[in-house]
Amino acid sequence: MKKIILSAAFLAVAGFTSVKASEIKNSIPVVAYQDSTTKTPVELKDLPEAVQTTLKGDTVKDWTPTAAFLVTNADKSEYYLINVKKGEETGSLKIDKEGKVAQ
């Protein structure tokens, strides 16, 4: 009789403590923001004279320009993004139209 009562009590406790797993049905919204910056390729020979002078200056003369882009921001500000290489190192410079290196 004890075994029947213990078995019934065990089943009752197991029934109260069981967890019912269910699928989560909450949807997660995916939001994509579009940056209004445009990046236009520019030939190195077509860069403004001030930018070419800066590239030949003492601070960056050891670096070889490999590609150039005209970047226009949403506020209509523009700068040139110049990809440069020195041996195995690569980098990029931001230079405005007046030839000043921007950070």
Protein backbone atom coordinates (compact mmCIF):
# COMPACT_ATOMS: atom_id res chain seq x y z
CA MET A 1 0.00 0.00 0.00
CA LYS A 2 2.90 2.31 0.80
CA LYS A 3 4.31 1.77 -2.68
CA ILE A 4 0.99 2.74 -4.30
CA ILE A 5 0.71 5.92 -2.23
CA LEU A 6 4.35 6.86 -2.89
CA SER A 7 3.90 6.17 -6.61
CA ALA A 8 0.74 8.31 -6.72
CA ALA A 9 2.48 11.12 -4.82
CA PHE A 10 5.49 10.92 -7.16
CA LEU A 11 3.26 11.12 -10.24
CA ALA A 12 1.33 14.04 -8.75
CA VAL A 13 4.54 15.99 -8.04
CA ALA A 14 5.92 15.15 -11.48
CA GLY A 15 2.68 16.33 -13.08
CA PHE A 16 2.82 19.69 -11.26
CA THR A 17 6.46 20.32 -12.04
CA SER A 18 6.48 19.39 -15.71
CA VAL A 19 7.24 22.20 -18.14
CA LYS A 20 5.41 22.60 -21.36
CA ALA A 21 7.77 23.82 -24.05
CA SER A 22 6.25 25.92 -26.77
CA GLU A 23 7.46 27.79 -29.78
CA ILE A 24 8.15 31.49 -29.33
CA LYS A 25 5.94 33.45 -31.65
CA ASN A 26 7.28 36.97 -31.06
CA SER A 27 8.42 38.59 -34.26
CA ILE A 28 11.69 40.50 -34.24
CA PRO A 29 11.73 43.49 -36.56
CA VAL A 30 14.80 43.87 -38.76
CA VAL A 31 15.74 47.47 -39.43
CA ALA A 32 18.31 48.47 -42.03
CA TYR A 33 19.68 51.98 -42.07
CA GLN A 34 21.05 53.33 -45.30
CA ASP A 35 24.01 55.60 -45.10
CA SER A 36 23.73 58.59 -47.40
CA THR A 37 27.44 58.70 -48.05
CA THR A 38 28.47 58.11 -51.66
CA LYS A 39 31.88 56.88 -52.75
CA THR A 40 32.82 57.60 -56.37
CA PRO A 41 36.04 56.19 -57.88
CA VAL A 42 38.45 58.81 -59.25
CA GLU A 43 41.52 58.27 -61.42
CA LEU A 44 44.73 59.25 -59.63
CA LYS A 45 45.69 61.54 -62.52
CA ASP A 46 42.34 63.37 -62.18
CA LEU A 47 42.84 64.38 -58.54
CA PRO A 48 42.92 68.14 -57.85
CA GLU A 49 46.35 69.78 -57.91
CA ALA A 50 46.23 70.48 -54.14
CA VAL A 51 45.61 66.79 -53.39
CA GLN A 52 48.42 65.69 -55.72
CA THR A 53 50.78 68.19 -54.04
CA THR A 54 49.90 66.75 -50.62
CA LEU A 55 50.59 63.21 -51.88
CA LYS A 56 54.05 64.34 -53.01
CA GLY A 57 54.75 66.10 -49.68
CA ASP A 58 57.28 64.96 -47.07
CA THR A 59 54.78 63.32 -44.73
CA VAL A 60 53.38 60.84 -47.26
CA LYS A 61 56.02 60.73 -50.01
CA ASP A 62 57.10 57.18 -49.00
CA TRP A 63 53.58 55.89 -49.61
CA THR A 64 52.39 54.98 -53.11
CA PRO A 65 48.76 55.84 -53.96
CA THR A 66 46.88 52.83 -55.34
CA ALA A 67 43.26 54.05 -55.64
CA ALA A 68 41.25 57.21 -55.03
CA PHE A 69 37.61 57.90 -54.25
CA LEU A 70 35.56 61.06 -53.90
CA VAL A 71 33.40 60.65 -50.78
CA THR A 72 30.32 62.86 -50.45
CA ASN A 73 28.56 62.91 -47.06
CA ALA A 74 24.89 63.59 -46.39
CA ASP A 75 25.71 67.19 -45.44
CA LYS A 76 27.30 67.68 -48.90
CA SER A 77 30.83 67.82 -47.48
CA GLU A 78 33.40 66.11 -49.69
CA TYR A 79 36.86 64.64 -49.29
CA TYR A 80 39.14 62.31 -51.19
CA LEU A 81 39.85 58.88 -49.77
CA ILE A 82 43.24 57.76 -51.09
CA ASN A 83 44.34 54.13 -50.60
CA VAL A 84 48.11 53.97 -50.19
CA LYS A 85 50.74 51.23 -49.94
CA LYS A 86 54.28 51.09 -48.58
CA GLY A 87 55.89 47.68 -48.97
CA GLU A 88 53.47 45.21 -47.41
CA GLU A 89 51.67 47.91 -45.39
CA THR A 90 48.44 49.42 -46.66
CA GLY A 91 46.44 52.37 -45.44
CA SER A 92 44.19 55.20 -46.48
CA LEU A 93 44.25 58.97 -46.27
CA LYS A 94 41.40 61.47 -46.13
CA ILE A 95 42.35 64.63 -47.97
CA ASP A 96 40.00 67.56 -48.55
CA LYS A 97 39.89 69.58 -51.77
CA GLU A 98 42.37 72.12 -50.39
CA GLY A 99 44.95 69.38 -49.83
CA LYS A 100 44.67 69.20 -46.03
CA VAL A 101 44.89 65.74 -44.50
CA ALA A 102 41.74 65.13 -42.42
CA GLN A 103 41.52 62.74 -39.50
